[in-house]
N, C-alpha and C. Protein backbone atom coordinates (compact mmCIF):
# COMPACT_ATOMS: atom_id res chain seq x y z
N MET A 1 4.34 -4.75 28.12
CA MET A 1 2.99 -4.82 27.61
C MET A 1 3.03 -4.87 26.08
N SER A 2 2.35 -5.84 25.52
CA SER A 2 2.39 -5.95 24.07
C SER A 2 1.31 -5.07 23.46
N THR A 3 1.60 -4.58 22.25
CA THR A 3 0.65 -3.74 21.55
C THR A 3 -0.06 -4.57 20.49
N PRO A 4 -1.20 -4.11 20.00
CA PRO A 4 -1.90 -4.87 18.97
C PRO A 4 -1.20 -4.86 17.62
N THR A 5 -0.18 -4.05 17.48
CA THR A 5 0.53 -3.96 16.20
C THR A 5 1.03 -5.31 15.74
N GLY A 6 1.58 -6.08 16.65
CA GLY A 6 2.15 -7.37 16.29
C GLY A 6 1.13 -8.32 15.70
N ASP A 7 -0.10 -8.22 16.17
CA ASP A 7 -1.14 -9.10 15.67
C ASP A 7 -1.84 -8.56 14.44
N ALA A 8 -1.95 -7.25 14.34
CA ALA A 8 -2.76 -6.65 13.29
C ALA A 8 -2.02 -6.48 11.97
N ILE A 9 -0.80 -6.01 12.02
CA ILE A 9 -0.02 -5.74 10.82
C ILE A 9 1.25 -6.59 10.87
N THR A 10 1.31 -7.58 10.00
CA THR A 10 2.47 -8.47 9.96
C THR A 10 2.98 -8.57 8.53
N GLU A 11 4.17 -9.07 8.38
CA GLU A 11 4.72 -9.29 7.05
C GLU A 11 3.82 -10.24 6.26
N GLN A 12 3.30 -11.27 6.92
CA GLN A 12 2.42 -12.22 6.24
C GLN A 12 1.14 -11.53 5.76
N TRP A 13 0.54 -10.70 6.63
CA TRP A 13 -0.66 -9.98 6.23
C TRP A 13 -0.38 -9.09 5.02
N LEU A 14 0.73 -8.36 5.06
CA LEU A 14 1.08 -7.46 3.96
C LEU A 14 1.34 -8.24 2.68
N SER A 15 2.05 -9.34 2.77
CA SER A 15 2.32 -10.17 1.59
C SER A 15 1.03 -10.69 0.98
N GLU A 16 0.11 -11.13 1.83
CA GLU A 16 -1.17 -11.64 1.34
C GLU A 16 -2.01 -10.53 0.71
N LEU A 17 -1.95 -9.33 1.29
CA LEU A 17 -2.67 -8.20 0.71
C LEU A 17 -2.14 -7.89 -0.68
N LEU A 18 -0.82 -7.85 -0.83
CA LEU A 18 -0.21 -7.55 -2.12
C LEU A 18 -0.50 -8.64 -3.15
N THR A 19 -0.40 -9.88 -2.74
CA THR A 19 -0.67 -11.00 -3.65
C THR A 19 -2.14 -11.00 -4.07
N GLY A 20 -3.02 -10.61 -3.15
CA GLY A 20 -4.45 -10.61 -3.44
C GLY A 20 -4.89 -9.54 -4.42
N LEU A 21 -4.00 -8.62 -4.75
CA LEU A 21 -4.35 -7.56 -5.72
C LEU A 21 -4.56 -8.12 -7.12
N GLY A 22 -3.86 -9.20 -7.46
CA GLY A 22 -3.99 -9.78 -8.79
C GLY A 22 -2.69 -10.38 -9.28
N ASP A 23 -2.81 -11.15 -10.35
CA ASP A 23 -1.66 -11.86 -10.90
C ASP A 23 -1.00 -11.14 -12.07
N SER A 24 -1.54 -9.99 -12.44
CA SER A 24 -0.97 -9.23 -13.55
C SER A 24 -1.19 -7.75 -13.28
N PRO A 25 -0.43 -6.90 -13.95
CA PRO A 25 -0.66 -5.45 -13.79
C PRO A 25 -2.10 -5.05 -14.12
N ASP A 26 -2.69 -5.66 -15.15
CA ASP A 26 -4.07 -5.32 -15.51
C ASP A 26 -5.06 -5.74 -14.43
N GLN A 27 -4.83 -6.89 -13.79
CA GLN A 27 -5.70 -7.31 -12.70
C GLN A 27 -5.56 -6.37 -11.51
N ILE A 28 -4.34 -5.95 -11.22
CA ILE A 28 -4.11 -5.00 -10.13
C ILE A 28 -4.80 -3.68 -10.43
N HIS A 29 -4.69 -3.23 -11.67
CA HIS A 29 -5.38 -2.01 -12.10
C HIS A 29 -6.88 -2.14 -11.84
N ALA A 30 -7.47 -3.26 -12.22
CA ALA A 30 -8.92 -3.46 -12.03
C ALA A 30 -9.28 -3.47 -10.54
N THR A 31 -8.45 -4.10 -9.72
CA THR A 31 -8.70 -4.14 -8.28
C THR A 31 -8.67 -2.73 -7.70
N LEU A 32 -7.67 -1.96 -8.05
CA LEU A 32 -7.56 -0.60 -7.53
C LEU A 32 -8.68 0.30 -8.05
N ARG A 33 -9.02 0.14 -9.32
CA ARG A 33 -10.11 0.93 -9.90
C ARG A 33 -11.43 0.59 -9.20
N ASN A 34 -11.70 -0.69 -8.99
CA ASN A 34 -12.93 -1.11 -8.32
C ASN A 34 -12.98 -0.62 -6.87
N ALA A 35 -11.80 -0.47 -6.25
CA ALA A 35 -11.73 0.04 -4.88
C ALA A 35 -11.76 1.58 -4.86
N LYS A 36 -11.81 2.18 -6.05
CA LYS A 36 -11.83 3.64 -6.19
C LYS A 36 -10.60 4.31 -5.57
N VAL A 37 -9.45 3.68 -5.78
CA VAL A 37 -8.18 4.20 -5.27
C VAL A 37 -7.45 4.89 -6.42
N THR A 38 -7.02 6.12 -6.17
CA THR A 38 -6.20 6.85 -7.13
C THR A 38 -4.92 7.29 -6.44
N GLY A 39 -4.00 7.85 -7.19
CA GLY A 39 -2.76 8.30 -6.59
C GLY A 39 -1.93 9.10 -7.57
N GLN A 40 -0.73 9.39 -7.16
CA GLN A 40 0.19 10.19 -7.95
C GLN A 40 1.29 9.32 -8.52
N GLN A 41 1.70 9.64 -9.72
CA GLN A 41 2.80 8.91 -10.34
C GLN A 41 4.11 9.23 -9.63
N ALA A 42 4.98 8.22 -9.57
CA ALA A 42 6.33 8.36 -9.01
C ALA A 42 6.33 8.93 -7.60
N SER A 43 5.35 8.54 -6.80
CA SER A 43 5.27 8.99 -5.42
C SER A 43 5.29 7.79 -4.49
N ARG A 44 6.29 7.75 -3.62
CA ARG A 44 6.44 6.60 -2.71
C ARG A 44 5.26 6.46 -1.76
N TYR A 45 4.72 7.59 -1.29
CA TYR A 45 3.65 7.56 -0.29
C TYR A 45 2.26 7.77 -0.88
N ASP A 46 2.16 8.30 -2.08
CA ASP A 46 0.86 8.66 -2.62
C ASP A 46 0.50 7.98 -3.94
N CYS A 47 1.21 6.94 -4.31
CA CYS A 47 0.79 6.18 -5.49
C CYS A 47 -0.43 5.34 -5.10
N PRO A 48 -1.19 4.85 -6.07
CA PRO A 48 -2.39 4.08 -5.73
C PRO A 48 -2.09 2.86 -4.85
N LEU A 49 -0.96 2.21 -5.09
CA LEU A 49 -0.61 1.04 -4.28
C LEU A 49 -0.37 1.43 -2.82
N ALA A 50 0.37 2.50 -2.59
CA ALA A 50 0.63 2.95 -1.22
C ALA A 50 -0.68 3.35 -0.53
N ARG A 51 -1.54 4.04 -1.23
CA ARG A 51 -2.81 4.46 -0.64
C ARG A 51 -3.69 3.26 -0.32
N TYR A 52 -3.72 2.27 -1.20
CA TYR A 52 -4.51 1.05 -0.97
C TYR A 52 -4.01 0.32 0.28
N VAL A 53 -2.71 0.13 0.36
CA VAL A 53 -2.14 -0.56 1.52
C VAL A 53 -2.40 0.23 2.80
N ALA A 54 -2.18 1.54 2.75
CA ALA A 54 -2.40 2.36 3.94
C ALA A 54 -3.86 2.30 4.39
N ASP A 55 -4.80 2.35 3.45
CA ASP A 55 -6.22 2.27 3.80
C ASP A 55 -6.53 0.95 4.51
N HIS A 56 -6.01 -0.14 3.99
CA HIS A 56 -6.27 -1.45 4.61
C HIS A 56 -5.58 -1.56 5.97
N ALA A 57 -4.40 -1.00 6.10
CA ALA A 57 -3.70 -1.03 7.38
C ALA A 57 -4.46 -0.21 8.43
N ARG A 58 -4.99 0.93 8.02
CA ARG A 58 -5.76 1.77 8.96
C ARG A 58 -7.02 1.06 9.45
N GLN A 59 -7.61 0.24 8.59
CA GLN A 59 -8.78 -0.53 9.01
C GLN A 59 -8.41 -1.54 10.10
N ARG A 60 -7.21 -2.05 10.03
CA ARG A 60 -6.76 -3.02 11.03
C ARG A 60 -6.26 -2.36 12.31
N MET A 61 -5.81 -1.11 12.20
CA MET A 61 -5.28 -0.38 13.35
C MET A 61 -5.83 1.04 13.37
N PRO A 62 -7.11 1.20 13.65
CA PRO A 62 -7.72 2.53 13.56
C PRO A 62 -7.18 3.54 14.57
N SER A 63 -6.56 3.09 15.65
CA SER A 63 -6.06 4.04 16.65
C SER A 63 -4.63 4.49 16.36
N ALA A 64 -4.01 3.95 15.30
CA ALA A 64 -2.62 4.28 14.98
C ALA A 64 -2.56 5.22 13.78
N GLN A 65 -1.46 5.96 13.69
CA GLN A 65 -1.17 6.73 12.49
C GLN A 65 -0.40 5.80 11.56
N VAL A 66 -0.93 5.59 10.38
CA VAL A 66 -0.37 4.61 9.47
C VAL A 66 -0.09 5.25 8.12
N LYS A 67 1.08 4.96 7.57
CA LYS A 67 1.43 5.35 6.21
C LYS A 67 2.02 4.12 5.53
N ALA A 68 1.95 4.10 4.23
CA ALA A 68 2.61 3.05 3.46
C ALA A 68 3.49 3.71 2.42
N ARG A 69 4.63 3.09 2.18
CA ARG A 69 5.52 3.61 1.13
C ARG A 69 5.92 2.46 0.21
N VAL A 70 6.04 2.81 -1.04
CA VAL A 70 6.41 1.84 -2.07
C VAL A 70 7.79 2.22 -2.57
N SER A 71 8.69 1.28 -2.51
CA SER A 71 10.03 1.50 -3.05
C SER A 71 10.35 0.34 -3.98
N THR A 72 11.47 0.38 -4.60
CA THR A 72 11.84 -0.64 -5.57
C THR A 72 11.80 -2.02 -4.92
N GLY A 73 10.82 -2.78 -5.30
CA GLY A 73 10.74 -4.15 -4.85
C GLY A 73 10.12 -4.38 -3.48
N GLU A 74 9.75 -3.33 -2.76
CA GLU A 74 9.26 -3.52 -1.40
C GLU A 74 8.13 -2.53 -1.09
N VAL A 75 7.23 -2.97 -0.22
CA VAL A 75 6.20 -2.09 0.34
C VAL A 75 6.38 -2.14 1.85
N VAL A 76 6.37 -0.96 2.48
CA VAL A 76 6.58 -0.87 3.92
C VAL A 76 5.40 -0.11 4.53
N VAL A 77 4.86 -0.66 5.62
CA VAL A 77 3.83 0.03 6.39
C VAL A 77 4.52 0.64 7.60
N GLU A 78 4.36 1.95 7.76
CA GLU A 78 4.92 2.68 8.90
C GLU A 78 3.78 2.89 9.90
N ILE A 79 4.00 2.45 11.13
CA ILE A 79 2.95 2.49 12.15
C ILE A 79 3.44 3.27 13.36
N GLU A 80 2.68 4.30 13.71
CA GLU A 80 2.98 5.08 14.92
C GLU A 80 1.73 5.01 15.80
N GLU A 81 1.87 4.38 16.94
CA GLU A 81 0.73 4.21 17.84
C GLU A 81 0.66 5.39 18.80
N SER A 82 -0.39 6.16 18.66
CA SER A 82 -0.52 7.37 19.47
C SER A 82 -0.72 7.06 20.95
N ASP A 83 -1.37 5.94 21.27
CA ASP A 83 -1.61 5.64 22.68
C ASP A 83 -0.37 5.16 23.42
N THR A 84 0.58 4.55 22.70
CA THR A 84 1.80 4.05 23.36
C THR A 84 3.04 4.83 22.96
N GLY A 85 2.95 5.60 21.89
CA GLY A 85 4.13 6.30 21.38
C GLY A 85 5.08 5.38 20.64
N GLY A 86 4.68 4.13 20.44
CA GLY A 86 5.53 3.17 19.73
C GLY A 86 5.53 3.40 18.24
N TYR A 87 6.61 2.98 17.59
CA TYR A 87 6.76 3.14 16.15
C TYR A 87 7.40 1.87 15.62
N ARG A 88 6.89 1.40 14.49
CA ARG A 88 7.56 0.28 13.84
C ARG A 88 7.21 0.24 12.38
N GLU A 89 8.00 -0.50 11.64
CA GLU A 89 7.78 -0.69 10.22
C GLU A 89 7.62 -2.17 9.93
N VAL A 90 6.72 -2.48 9.03
CA VAL A 90 6.52 -3.84 8.56
C VAL A 90 6.65 -3.81 7.05
N GLY A 91 7.56 -4.60 6.52
CA GLY A 91 7.79 -4.60 5.08
C GLY A 91 7.60 -5.96 4.46
N ALA A 92 7.31 -5.94 3.18
CA ALA A 92 7.19 -7.18 2.42
C ALA A 92 7.66 -6.93 0.99
N GLU A 93 8.24 -7.95 0.42
CA GLU A 93 8.68 -7.86 -0.97
C GLU A 93 7.46 -7.80 -1.88
N GLN A 94 7.57 -7.00 -2.92
CA GLN A 94 6.47 -6.91 -3.89
C GLN A 94 6.46 -8.15 -4.78
N PRO A 95 5.28 -8.71 -5.03
CA PRO A 95 5.20 -9.75 -6.06
C PRO A 95 5.56 -9.15 -7.42
N GLU A 96 5.94 -9.98 -8.35
CA GLU A 96 6.36 -9.51 -9.67
C GLU A 96 5.27 -8.70 -10.36
N ALA A 97 4.02 -9.13 -10.24
CA ALA A 97 2.92 -8.39 -10.88
C ALA A 97 2.80 -6.98 -10.31
N THR A 98 3.01 -6.84 -9.02
CA THR A 98 2.93 -5.53 -8.39
C THR A 98 4.06 -4.62 -8.87
N LYS A 99 5.25 -5.17 -8.97
CA LYS A 99 6.39 -4.39 -9.48
C LYS A 99 6.08 -3.88 -10.89
N LYS A 100 5.55 -4.76 -11.73
CA LYS A 100 5.24 -4.37 -13.11
C LYS A 100 4.12 -3.33 -13.15
N PHE A 101 3.14 -3.46 -12.25
CA PHE A 101 2.08 -2.46 -12.21
C PHE A 101 2.65 -1.09 -11.87
N VAL A 102 3.49 -1.02 -10.85
CA VAL A 102 4.07 0.26 -10.43
C VAL A 102 4.87 0.88 -11.57
N GLN A 103 5.67 0.08 -12.25
CA GLN A 103 6.44 0.58 -13.39
C GLN A 103 5.52 1.11 -14.49
N ALA A 104 4.47 0.37 -14.77
CA ALA A 104 3.54 0.78 -15.82
C ALA A 104 2.80 2.06 -15.42
N PHE A 105 2.33 2.12 -14.18
CA PHE A 105 1.61 3.32 -13.72
C PHE A 105 2.52 4.55 -13.79
N ASP A 106 3.74 4.40 -13.30
CA ASP A 106 4.68 5.52 -13.31
C ASP A 106 5.06 5.95 -14.72
N SER A 107 4.94 5.04 -15.69
CA SER A 107 5.27 5.33 -17.09
C SER A 107 4.08 5.87 -17.88
N GLY A 108 2.94 6.01 -17.22
CA GLY A 108 1.79 6.60 -17.90
C GLY A 108 0.64 5.67 -18.19
N SER A 109 0.80 4.39 -17.93
CA SER A 109 -0.33 3.48 -18.09
C SER A 109 -1.33 3.71 -16.97
N TYR A 110 -2.56 3.34 -17.21
CA TYR A 110 -3.63 3.44 -16.22
C TYR A 110 -3.89 4.88 -15.76
N PRO A 111 -4.07 5.80 -16.72
CA PRO A 111 -4.28 7.20 -16.34
C PRO A 111 -5.53 7.43 -15.51
N ASP A 112 -6.48 6.50 -15.56
CA ASP A 112 -7.70 6.65 -14.74
C ASP A 112 -7.41 6.52 -13.26
N LEU A 113 -6.22 6.04 -12.89
CA LEU A 113 -5.86 5.92 -11.48
C LEU A 113 -5.08 7.14 -10.98
N ILE A 114 -4.82 8.11 -11.85
CA ILE A 114 -4.11 9.32 -11.43
C ILE A 114 -5.06 10.23 -10.67
N ASP A 115 -4.66 10.65 -9.50
CA ASP A 115 -5.45 11.55 -8.66
C ASP A 115 -5.40 12.93 -9.31
N GLN A 116 -6.48 13.31 -9.99
CA GLN A 116 -6.51 14.59 -10.71
C GLN A 116 -6.48 15.78 -9.76
N ALA A 117 -7.01 15.62 -8.58
CA ALA A 117 -7.02 16.73 -7.60
C ALA A 117 -5.61 17.06 -7.13
N ALA A 118 -4.75 16.06 -7.09
CA ALA A 118 -3.38 16.28 -6.62
C ALA A 118 -2.42 16.55 -7.76
N ALA A 119 -2.85 16.28 -8.99
CA ALA A 119 -1.94 16.43 -10.14
C ALA A 119 -1.68 17.88 -10.48
């Protein structure tokens, strides 16, 4: 029996989501700010990019437990389906603008995106 995971969260979907954030770190900053997404610096699971991706993945798979992690050059969505017990990861390479945004955010740029409640 196939699960909806294959249709809902794919490498292509993730790549398009990342590319759609913007063509520069400043555009990505504006997209995340407009979406009211904040996060923690140097956090694989709780940076603004990871939270943005996880939020969008949860919209596509509301019955699954979803997390996103950001690592050097890659974003991975971790999906655990509670109804089937299935688990899988979907990853995509970060576009250059996204890599530069993450580096800038972790270095102190875009302080308005820092989650003050978690800091």
